[in-house]
Full PDB file with SEQRES, HELIX, SHEET, SSBOND, CRYST1, ORIGX, SCALE, CONECT and MASTER records, all heavy atoms in Angstrom:
SEQRES   1 A   32  LEU ARG LEU ASP GLU ALA ALA LEU ALA ALA LEU PRO PRO          
SEQRES   2 A   32  LEU LEU ASP VAL VAL ARG ARG ARG GLN ALA GLU LEU ASN          
SEQRES   3 A   32  PRO ARG ALA LEU ARG LEU                                      
HELIX    1 AA1 ARG A    2  LEU A   25  1                                  24    
CRYST1    1.000    1.000    1.000  90.00  90.00  90.00 P 1           1          
ORIGX1      1.000000  0.000000  0.000000        0.00000                         
ORIGX2      0.000000  1.000000  0.000000        0.00000                         
ORIGX3      0.000000  0.000000  1.000000        0.00000                         
SCALE1      1.000000  0.000000  0.000000        0.00000                         
SCALE2      0.000000  1.000000  0.000000        0.00000                         
SCALE3      0.000000  0.000000  1.000000        0.00000                         
ATOM      1  N   LEU A   1       0.830  -1.206   0.004  1.00  0.00           N  
ATOM      2  CA  LEU A   1       0.001  -0.007   0.002  1.00  0.00           C  
ATOM      3  C   LEU A   1       0.865   1.257  -0.007  1.00  0.00           C  
ATOM      4  O   LEU A   1       0.466   2.283  -0.577  1.00  0.00           O  
ATOM      5  CB  LEU A   1      -0.932  -0.002   1.217  1.00  0.00           C  
ATOM      6  CG  LEU A   1      -2.056  -1.059   1.170  1.00  0.00           C  
ATOM      7  CD1 LEU A   1      -2.875  -1.018   2.466  1.00  0.00           C  
ATOM      8  CD2 LEU A   1      -2.986  -0.815  -0.024  1.00  0.00           C  
ATOM      9  N   ARG A   2       2.023   1.209   0.649  1.00  0.00           N  
ATOM     10  CA  ARG A   2       2.914   2.360   0.593  1.00  0.00           C  
ATOM     11  C   ARG A   2       3.402   2.607  -0.828  1.00  0.00           C  
ATOM     12  O   ARG A   2       3.483   3.751  -1.291  1.00  0.00           O  
ATOM     13  CB  ARG A   2       4.106   2.156   1.539  1.00  0.00           C  
ATOM     14  CG  ARG A   2       3.815   2.561   2.972  1.00  0.00           C  
ATOM     15  CD  ARG A   2       5.098   2.646   3.795  1.00  0.00           C  
ATOM     16  NE  ARG A   2       5.669   1.312   4.016  1.00  0.00           N  
ATOM     17  CZ  ARG A   2       5.410   0.583   5.092  1.00  0.00           C  
ATOM     18  NH1 ARG A   2       4.588   1.034   6.012  1.00  0.00           N  
ATOM     19  NH2 ARG A   2       5.959  -0.597   5.247  1.00  0.00           N  
ATOM     20  N   LEU A   3       3.715   1.528  -1.554  1.00  0.00           N  
ATOM     21  CA  LEU A   3       4.130   1.658  -2.954  1.00  0.00           C  
ATOM     22  C   LEU A   3       2.959   2.175  -3.811  1.00  0.00           C  
ATOM     23  O   LEU A   3       3.166   2.997  -4.714  1.00  0.00           O  
ATOM     24  CB  LEU A   3       4.626   0.322  -3.486  1.00  0.00           C  
ATOM     25  CG  LEU A   3       5.930  -0.202  -2.842  1.00  0.00           C  
ATOM     26  CD1 LEU A   3       6.222  -1.626  -3.314  1.00  0.00           C  
ATOM     27  CD2 LEU A   3       7.104   0.715  -3.200  1.00  0.00           C  
ATOM     28  N   ASP A   4       1.777   1.666  -3.531  1.00  0.00           N  
ATOM     29  CA  ASP A   4       0.593   2.145  -4.269  1.00  0.00           C  
ATOM     30  C   ASP A   4       0.400   3.645  -4.057  1.00  0.00           C  
ATOM     31  O   ASP A   4       0.151   4.401  -5.007  1.00  0.00           O  
ATOM     32  CB  ASP A   4      -0.661   1.390  -3.797  1.00  0.00           C  
ATOM     33  CG  ASP A   4      -0.590  -0.102  -4.085  1.00  0.00           C  
ATOM     34  OD1 ASP A   4       0.165  -0.486  -4.995  1.00  0.00           O  
ATOM     35  OD2 ASP A   4      -1.298  -0.862  -3.412  1.00  0.00           O  
ATOM     36  N   GLU A   5       0.496   4.068  -2.805  1.00  0.00           N  
ATOM     37  CA  GLU A   5       0.269   5.477  -2.486  1.00  0.00           C  
ATOM     38  C   GLU A   5       1.316   6.374  -3.133  1.00  0.00           C  
ATOM     39  O   GLU A   5       1.001   7.468  -3.626  1.00  0.00           O  
ATOM     40  CB  GLU A   5       0.268   5.648  -0.964  1.00  0.00           C  
ATOM     41  CG  GLU A   5      -0.217   7.004  -0.487  1.00  0.00           C  
ATOM     42  CD  GLU A   5       0.912   7.996  -0.385  1.00  0.00           C  
ATOM     43  OE1 GLU A   5       2.043   7.566  -0.110  1.00  0.00           O  
ATOM     44  OE2 GLU A   5       0.657   9.211  -0.570  1.00  0.00           O  
ATOM     45  N   ALA A   6       2.574   5.897  -3.179  1.00  0.00           N  
ATOM     46  CA  ALA A   6       3.635   6.689  -3.810  1.00  0.00           C  
ATOM     47  C   ALA A   6       3.382   6.822  -5.314  1.00  0.00           C  
ATOM     48  O   ALA A   6       3.567   7.908  -5.897  1.00  0.00           O  
ATOM     49  CB  ALA A   6       4.989   6.021  -3.551  1.00  0.00           C  
ATOM     50  N   ALA A   7       2.944   5.742  -5.968  1.00  0.00           N  
ATOM     51  CA  ALA A   7       2.662   5.799  -7.400  1.00  0.00           C  
ATOM     52  C   ALA A   7       1.475   6.707  -7.686  1.00  0.00           C  
ATOM     53  O   ALA A   7       1.489   7.492  -8.637  1.00  0.00           O  
ATOM     54  CB  ALA A   7       2.394   4.393  -7.936  1.00  0.00           C  
ATOM     55  N   LEU A   8       0.444   6.620  -6.850  1.00  0.00           N  
ATOM     56  CA  LEU A   8      -0.730   7.459  -7.053  1.00  0.00           C  
ATOM     57  C   LEU A   8      -0.392   8.936  -6.852  1.00  0.00           C  
ATOM     58  O   LEU A   8      -1.005   9.808  -7.473  1.00  0.00           O  
ATOM     59  CB  LEU A   8      -1.830   7.049  -6.086  1.00  0.00           C  
ATOM     60  CG  LEU A   8      -2.454   5.663  -6.358  1.00  0.00           C  
ATOM     61  CD1 LEU A   8      -3.329   5.218  -5.185  1.00  0.00           C  
ATOM     62  CD2 LEU A   8      -3.283   5.691  -7.643  1.00  0.00           C  
ATOM     63  N   ALA A   9       0.572   9.229  -5.981  1.00  0.00           N  
ATOM     64  CA  ALA A   9       0.990  10.612  -5.773  1.00  0.00           C  
ATOM     65  C   ALA A   9       1.768  11.144  -6.983  1.00  0.00           C  
ATOM     66  O   ALA A   9       1.742  12.341  -7.273  1.00  0.00           O  
ATOM     67  CB  ALA A   9       1.838  10.721  -4.508  1.00  0.00           C  
ATOM     68  N   ALA A  10       2.481  10.258  -7.695  1.00  0.00           N  
ATOM     69  CA  ALA A  10       3.273  10.674  -8.843  1.00  0.00           C  
ATOM     70  C   ALA A  10       2.451  10.825 -10.122  1.00  0.00           C  
ATOM     71  O   ALA A  10       2.877  11.511 -11.046  1.00  0.00           O  
ATOM     72  CB  ALA A  10       4.403   9.664  -9.081  1.00  0.00           C  
ATOM     73  N   LEU A  11       1.284  10.197 -10.164  1.00  0.00           N  
ATOM     74  CA  LEU A  11       0.493  10.164 -11.416  1.00  0.00           C  
ATOM     75  C   LEU A  11      -0.201  11.472 -11.784  1.00  0.00           C  
ATOM     76  O   LEU A  11      -0.229  11.823 -12.965  1.00  0.00           O  
ATOM     77  CB  LEU A  11      -0.516   9.025 -11.328  1.00  0.00           C  
ATOM     78  CG  LEU A  11       0.020   7.654 -11.698  1.00  0.00           C  
ATOM     79  CD1 LEU A  11      -0.909   6.549 -11.204  1.00  0.00           C  
ATOM     80  CD2 LEU A  11       0.198   7.549 -13.215  1.00  0.00           C  
ATOM     81  N   PRO A  12      -0.789  12.213 -10.867  1.00  0.00           N  
ATOM     82  CA  PRO A  12      -1.552  13.400 -11.261  1.00  0.00           C  
ATOM     83  C   PRO A  12      -0.787  14.398 -12.116  1.00  0.00           C  
ATOM     84  O   PRO A  12      -1.296  14.824 -13.178  1.00  0.00           O  
ATOM     85  CB  PRO A  12      -2.017  14.007  -9.938  1.00  0.00           C  
ATOM     86  CG  PRO A  12      -2.119  12.817  -9.030  1.00  0.00           C  
ATOM     87  CD  PRO A  12      -0.977  11.944  -9.407  1.00  0.00           C  
ATOM     88  N   PRO A  13       0.442  14.815 -11.743  1.00  0.00           N  
ATOM     89  CA  PRO A  13       1.139  15.757 -12.631  1.00  0.00           C  
ATOM     90  C   PRO A  13       1.476  15.166 -14.002  1.00  0.00           C  
ATOM     91  O   PRO A  13       1.499  15.894 -15.002  1.00  0.00           O  
ATOM     92  CB  PRO A  13       2.401  16.126 -11.852  1.00  0.00           C  
ATOM     93  CG  PRO A  13       2.548  15.074 -10.808  1.00  0.00           C  
ATOM     94  CD  PRO A  13       1.204  14.573 -10.508  1.00  0.00           C  
ATOM     95  N   LEU A  14       1.717  13.854 -14.055  1.00  0.00           N  
ATOM     96  CA  LEU A  14       1.982  13.228 -15.341  1.00  0.00           C  
ATOM     97  C   LEU A  14       0.728  13.219 -16.220  1.00  0.00           C  
ATOM     98  O   LEU A  14       0.802  13.474 -17.426  1.00  0.00           O  
ATOM     99  CB  LEU A  14       2.477  11.791 -15.125  1.00  0.00           C  
ATOM    100  CG  LEU A  14       3.796  11.644 -14.354  1.00  0.00           C  
ATOM    101  CD1 LEU A  14       4.089  10.179 -14.088  1.00  0.00           C  
ATOM    102  CD2 LEU A  14       4.942  12.275 -15.139  1.00  0.00           C  
ATOM    103  N   LEU A  15      -0.407  12.930 -15.604  1.00  0.00           N  
ATOM    104  CA  LEU A  15      -1.657  12.966 -16.363  1.00  0.00           C  
ATOM    105  C   LEU A  15      -1.969  14.392 -16.831  1.00  0.00           C  
ATOM    106  O   LEU A  15      -2.546  14.576 -17.921  1.00  0.00           O  
ATOM    107  CB  LEU A  15      -2.797  12.426 -15.486  1.00  0.00           C  
ATOM    108  CG  LEU A  15      -2.756  10.918 -15.209  1.00  0.00           C  
ATOM    109  CD1 LEU A  15      -3.668  10.544 -14.052  1.00  0.00           C  
ATOM    110  CD2 LEU A  15      -3.151  10.137 -16.466  1.00  0.00           C  
ATOM    111  N   ASP A  16      -1.603  15.378 -16.044  1.00  0.00           N  
ATOM    112  CA  ASP A  16      -1.793  16.759 -16.469  1.00  0.00           C  
ATOM    113  C   ASP A  16      -0.930  17.082 -17.681  1.00  0.00           C  
ATOM    114  O   ASP A  16      -1.361  17.806 -18.592  1.00  0.00           O  
ATOM    115  CB  ASP A  16      -1.465  17.716 -15.315  1.00  0.00           C  
ATOM    116  CG  ASP A  16      -2.517  17.707 -14.216  1.00  0.00           C  
ATOM    117  OD1 ASP A  16      -3.664  17.303 -14.510  1.00  0.00           O  
ATOM    118  OD2 ASP A  16      -2.198  18.095 -13.074  1.00  0.00           O  
ATOM    119  N   VAL A  17       0.297  16.563 -17.719  1.00  0.00           N  
ATOM    120  CA  VAL A  17       1.168  16.771 -18.884  1.00  0.00           C  
ATOM    121  C   VAL A  17       0.542  16.155 -20.123  1.00  0.00           C  
ATOM    122  O   VAL A  17       0.507  16.766 -21.204  1.00  0.00           O  
ATOM    123  CB  VAL A  17       2.560  16.172 -18.613  1.00  0.00           C  
ATOM    124  CG1 VAL A  17       3.394  16.135 -19.896  1.00  0.00           C  
ATOM    125  CG2 VAL A  17       3.278  16.965 -17.528  1.00  0.00           C  
ATOM    126  N   VAL A  18       0.025  14.939 -19.987  1.00  0.00           N  
ATOM    127  CA  VAL A  18      -0.602  14.284 -21.124  1.00  0.00           C  
ATOM    128  C   VAL A  18      -1.831  15.066 -21.590  1.00  0.00           C  
ATOM    129  O   VAL A  18      -2.059  15.218 -22.800  1.00  0.00           O  
ATOM    130  CB  VAL A  18      -0.994  12.830 -20.733  1.00  0.00           C  
ATOM    131  CG1 VAL A  18      -1.753  12.146 -21.869  1.00  0.00           C  
ATOM    132  CG2 VAL A  18       0.239  12.030 -20.373  1.00  0.00           C  
ATOM    133  N   ARG A  19      -2.628  15.544 -20.659  1.00  0.00           N  
ATOM    134  CA  ARG A  19      -3.822  16.312 -21.029  1.00  0.00           C  
ATOM    135  C   ARG A  19      -3.461  17.591 -21.812  1.00  0.00           C  
ATOM    136  O   ARG A  19      -4.096  17.906 -22.829  1.00  0.00           O  
ATOM    137  CB  ARG A  19      -4.609  16.676 -19.781  1.00  0.00           C  
ATOM    138  CG  ARG A  19      -5.858  17.528 -20.051  1.00  0.00           C  
ATOM    139  CD  ARG A  19      -6.580  17.871 -18.768  1.00  0.00           C  
ATOM    140  NE  ARG A  19      -5.713  18.515 -17.813  1.00  0.00           N  
ATOM    141  CZ  ARG A  19      -5.394  19.815 -17.838  1.00  0.00           C  
ATOM    142  NH1 ARG A  19      -5.881  20.593 -18.786  1.00  0.00           N  
ATOM    143  NH2 ARG A  19      -4.596  20.332 -16.923  1.00  0.00           N  
ATOM    144  N   ARG A  20      -2.430  18.296 -21.355  1.00  0.00           N  
ATOM    145  CA  ARG A  20      -2.035  19.524 -22.054  1.00  0.00           C  
ATOM    146  C   ARG A  20      -1.525  19.228 -23.461  1.00  0.00           C  
ATOM    147  O   ARG A  20      -1.804  19.962 -24.404  1.00  0.00           O  
ATOM    148  CB  ARG A  20      -0.984  20.281 -21.233  1.00  0.00           C  
ATOM    149  CG  ARG A  20      -1.521  20.885 -19.949  1.00  0.00           C  
ATOM    150  CD  ARG A  20      -0.550  21.899 -19.361  1.00  0.00           C  
ATOM    151  NE  ARG A  20       0.712  21.256 -18.953  1.00  0.00           N  
ATOM    152  CZ  ARG A  20       0.918  20.786 -17.741  1.00  0.00           C  
ATOM    153  NH1 ARG A  20      -0.030  20.853 -16.806  1.00  0.00           N  
ATOM    154  NH2 ARG A  20       2.083  20.228 -17.429  1.00  0.00           N  
ATOM    155  N   ARG A  21      -0.765  18.124 -23.592  1.00  0.00           N  
ATOM    156  CA  ARG A  21      -0.246  17.761 -24.922  1.00  0.00           C  
ATOM    157  C   ARG A  21      -1.386  17.318 -25.852  1.00  0.00           C  
ATOM    158  O   ARG A  21      -1.393  17.654 -27.037  1.00  0.00           O  
ATOM    159  CB  ARG A  21       0.778  16.647 -24.793  1.00  0.00           C  
ATOM    160  CG  ARG A  21       1.641  16.446 -26.019  1.00  0.00           C  
ATOM    161  CD  ARG A  21       2.587  17.622 -26.201  1.00  0.00           C  
ATOM    162  NE  ARG A  21       3.557  17.379 -27.257  1.00  0.00           N  
ATOM    163  CZ  ARG A  21       3.501  17.914 -28.482  1.00  0.00           C  
ATOM    164  NH1 ARG A  21       2.487  18.710 -28.810  1.00  0.00           N  
ATOM    165  NH2 ARG A  21       4.434  17.647 -29.379  1.00  0.00           N  
ATOM    166  N   GLN A  22      -2.351  16.591 -25.283  1.00  0.00           N  
ATOM    167  CA  GLN A  22      -3.485  16.156 -26.090  1.00  0.00           C  
ATOM    168  C   GLN A  22      -4.383  17.335 -26.459  1.00  0.00           C  
ATOM    169  O   GLN A  22      -5.030  17.318 -27.511  1.00  0.00           O  
ATOM    170  CB  GLN A  22      -4.295  15.104 -25.333  1.00  0.00           C  
ATOM    171  CG  GLN A  22      -3.646  13.736 -25.305  1.00  0.00           C  
ATOM    172  CD  GLN A  22      -3.500  13.131 -26.679  1.00  0.00           C  
ATOM    173  OE1 GLN A  22      -4.460  12.991 -27.430  1.00  0.00           O  
ATOM    174  NE2 GLN A  22      -2.263  12.765 -27.031  1.00  0.00           N  
ATOM    175  N   ALA A  23      -4.428  18.359 -25.632  1.00  0.00           N  
ATOM    176  CA  ALA A  23      -5.196  19.545 -25.971  1.00  0.00           C  
ATOM    177  C   ALA A  23      -4.603  20.231 -27.204  1.00  0.00           C  
ATOM    178  O   ALA A  23      -5.347  20.886 -27.972  1.00  0.00           O  
ATOM    179  CB  ALA A  23      -5.212  20.515 -24.793  1.00  0.00           C  
ATOM    180  N   GLU A  24      -3.312  20.079 -27.437  1.00  0.00           N  
ATOM    181  CA  GLU A  24      -2.678  20.617 -28.642  1.00  0.00           C  
ATOM    182  C   GLU A  24      -2.879  19.699 -29.844  1.00  0.00           C  
ATOM    183  O   GLU A  24      -3.141  20.189 -30.948  1.00  0.00           O  
ATOM    184  CB  GLU A  24      -1.177  20.814 -28.390  1.00  0.00           C  
ATOM    185  CG  GLU A  24      -0.851  21.789 -27.257  1.00  0.00           C  
ATOM    186  CD  GLU A  24       0.617  21.811 -26.938  1.00  0.00           C  
ATOM    187  OE1 GLU A  24       1.385  21.033 -27.573  1.00  0.00           O  
ATOM    188  OE2 GLU A  24       1.032  22.559 -26.036  1.00  0.00           O  
ATOM    189  N   LEU A  25      -2.765  18.395 -29.609  1.00  0.00           N  
ATOM    190  CA  LEU A  25      -2.860  17.442 -30.722  1.00  0.00           C  
ATOM    191  C   LEU A  25      -4.302  17.115 -31.079  1.00  0.00           C  
ATOM    192  O   LEU A  25      -4.613  16.891 -32.262  1.00  0.00           O  
ATOM    193  CB  LEU A  25      -2.123  16.142 -30.344  1.00  0.00           C  
ATOM    194  CG  LEU A  25      -0.625  16.290 -30.035  1.00  0.00           C  
ATOM    195  CD1 LEU A  25      -0.056  14.952 -29.554  1.00  0.00           C  
ATOM    196  CD2 LEU A  25       0.137  16.767 -31.268  1.00  0.00           C  
ATOM    197  N   ASN A  26      -5.181  17.045 -30.103  1.00  0.00           N  
ATOM    198  CA  ASN A  26      -6.595  16.684 -30.339  1.00  0.00           C  
ATOM    199  C   ASN A  26      -7.508  17.648 -29.584  1.00  0.00           C  
ATOM    200  O   ASN A  26      -8.178  17.260 -28.612  1.00  0.00           O  
ATOM    201  CB  ASN A  26      -6.860  15.239 -29.867  1.00  0.00           C  
ATOM    202  CG  ASN A  26      -6.071  14.211 -30.657  1.00  0.00           C  
ATOM    203  OD1 ASN A  26      -6.247  14.070 -31.850  1.00  0.00           O  
ATOM    204  ND2 ASN A  26      -5.175  13.511 -29.964  1.00  0.00           N  
ATOM    205  N   PRO A  27      -7.551  18.904 -30.016  1.00  0.00           N  
ATOM    206  CA  PRO A  27      -8.354  19.891 -29.255  1.00  0.00           C  
ATOM    207  C   PRO A  27      -9.839  19.600 -29.258  1.00  0.00           C  
ATOM    208  O   PRO A  27     -10.551  20.071 -28.378  1.00  0.00           O  
ATOM    209  CB  PRO A  27      -8.037  21.209 -29.994  1.00  0.00           C  
ATOM    210  CG  PRO A  27      -7.594  20.795 -31.364  1.00  0.00           C  
ATOM    211  CD  PRO A  27      -6.894  19.491 -31.199  1.00  0.00           C  
ATOM    212  N   ARG A  28     -10.327  18.810 -30.211  1.00  0.00           N  
ATOM    213  CA  ARG A  28     -11.749  18.495 -30.271  1.00  0.00           C  
ATOM    214  C   ARG A  28     -12.124  17.249 -29.488  1.00  0.00           C  
ATOM    215  O   ARG A  28     -13.316  16.921 -29.380  1.00  0.00           O  
ATOM    216  CB  ARG A  28     -12.191  18.328 -31.720  1.00  0.00           C  
ATOM    217  CG  ARG A  28     -12.059  19.605 -32.538  1.00  0.00           C  
ATOM    218  CD  ARG A  28     -12.600  19.411 -33.955  1.00  0.00           C  
ATOM    219  NE  ARG A  28     -12.494  20.629 -34.741  1.00  0.00           N  
ATOM    220  CZ  ARG A  28     -12.909  20.735 -36.002  1.00  0.00           C  
ATOM    221  NH1 ARG A  28     -13.439  19.674 -36.619  1.00  0.00           N  
ATOM    222  NH2 ARG A  28     -12.792  21.865 -36.640  1.00  0.00           N  
ATOM    223  N   ALA A  29     -11.155  16.567 -28.968  1.00  0.00           N  
ATOM    224  CA  ALA A  29     -11.427  15.345 -28.178  1.00  0.00           C  
ATOM    225  C   ALA A  29     -11.768  15.748 -26.742  1.00  0.00           C  
ATOM    226  O   ALA A  29     -11.028  15.494 -25.805  1.00  0.00           O  
ATOM    227  CB  ALA A  29     -10.216  14.408 -28.220  1.00  0.00           C  
ATOM    228  N   LEU A  30     -12.931  16.382 -26.604  1.00  0.00           N  
ATOM    229  CA  LEU A  30     -13.300  16.948 -25.303  1.00  0.00           C  
ATOM    230  C   LEU A  30     -13.498  15.879 -24.236  1.00  0.00           C  
ATOM    231  O   LEU A  30     -13.148  16.070 -23.073  1.00  0.00           O  
ATOM    232  CB  LEU A  30     -14.572  17.789 -25.457  1.00  0.00           C  
ATOM    233  CG  LEU A  30     -14.476  18.972 -26.431  1.00  0.00           C  
ATOM    234  CD1 LEU A  30     -15.788  19.734 -26.471  1.00  0.00           C  
ATOM    235  CD2 LEU A  30     -13.324  19.885 -26.046  1.00  0.00           C  
ATOM    236  N   ARG A  31     -14.077  14.748 -24.623  1.00  0.00           N  
ATOM    237  CA  ARG A  31     -14.300  13.709 -23.626  1.00  0.00           C  
ATOM    238  C   ARG A  31     -12.969  13.129 -23.133  1.00  0.00           C  
ATOM    239  O   ARG A  31     -12.817  12.832 -21.933  1.00  0.00           O  
ATOM    240  CB  ARG A  31     -15.187  12.600 -24.197  1.00  0.00           C  
ATOM    241  CG  ARG A  31     -15.619  11.591 -23.140  1.00  0.00           C  
ATOM    242  CD  ARG A  31     -16.717  10.681 -23.669  1.00  0.00           C  
ATOM    243  NE  ARG A  31     -16.264   9.861 -24.807  1.00  0.00           N  
ATOM    244  CZ  ARG A  31     -17.017   8.957 -25.415  1.00  0.00           C  
ATOM    245  NH1 ARG A  31     -18.271   8.778 -25.014  1.00  0.00           N  
ATOM    246  NH2 ARG A  31     -16.558   8.263 -26.434  1.00  0.00           N  
ATOM    247  N   LEU A  32     -12.001  12.964 -24.032  1.00  0.00           N  
ATOM    248  CA  LEU A  32     -10.692  12.471 -23.633  1.00  0.00           C  
ATOM    249  C   LEU A  32     -10.035  13.468 -22.683  1.00  0.00           C  
ATOM    250  O   LEU A  32      -9.468  13.061 -21.639  1.00  0.00           O  
ATOM    251  CB  LEU A  32      -9.808  12.254 -24.849  1.00  0.00           C  
ATOM    252  CG  LEU A  32      -8.324  11.958 -24.559  1.00  0.00           C  
ATOM    253  CD1 LEU A  32      -8.179  10.683 -23.765  1.00  0.00           C  
ATOM    254  CD2 LEU A  32      -7.529  11.875 -25.867  1.00  0.00           C  
TER     255      LEU A  32                                                      
MASTER        0    0    0    1    0    0    0    6  254    1    0    3          
END                                                                             
């Protein structure tokens, strides 16, 4: 669970990076 919690803490900023890049590549993919 400690490893799980550490991974979950690292994921949000990475998902934000992906979202910003996808907003440039697929601006109409609103659901994504």
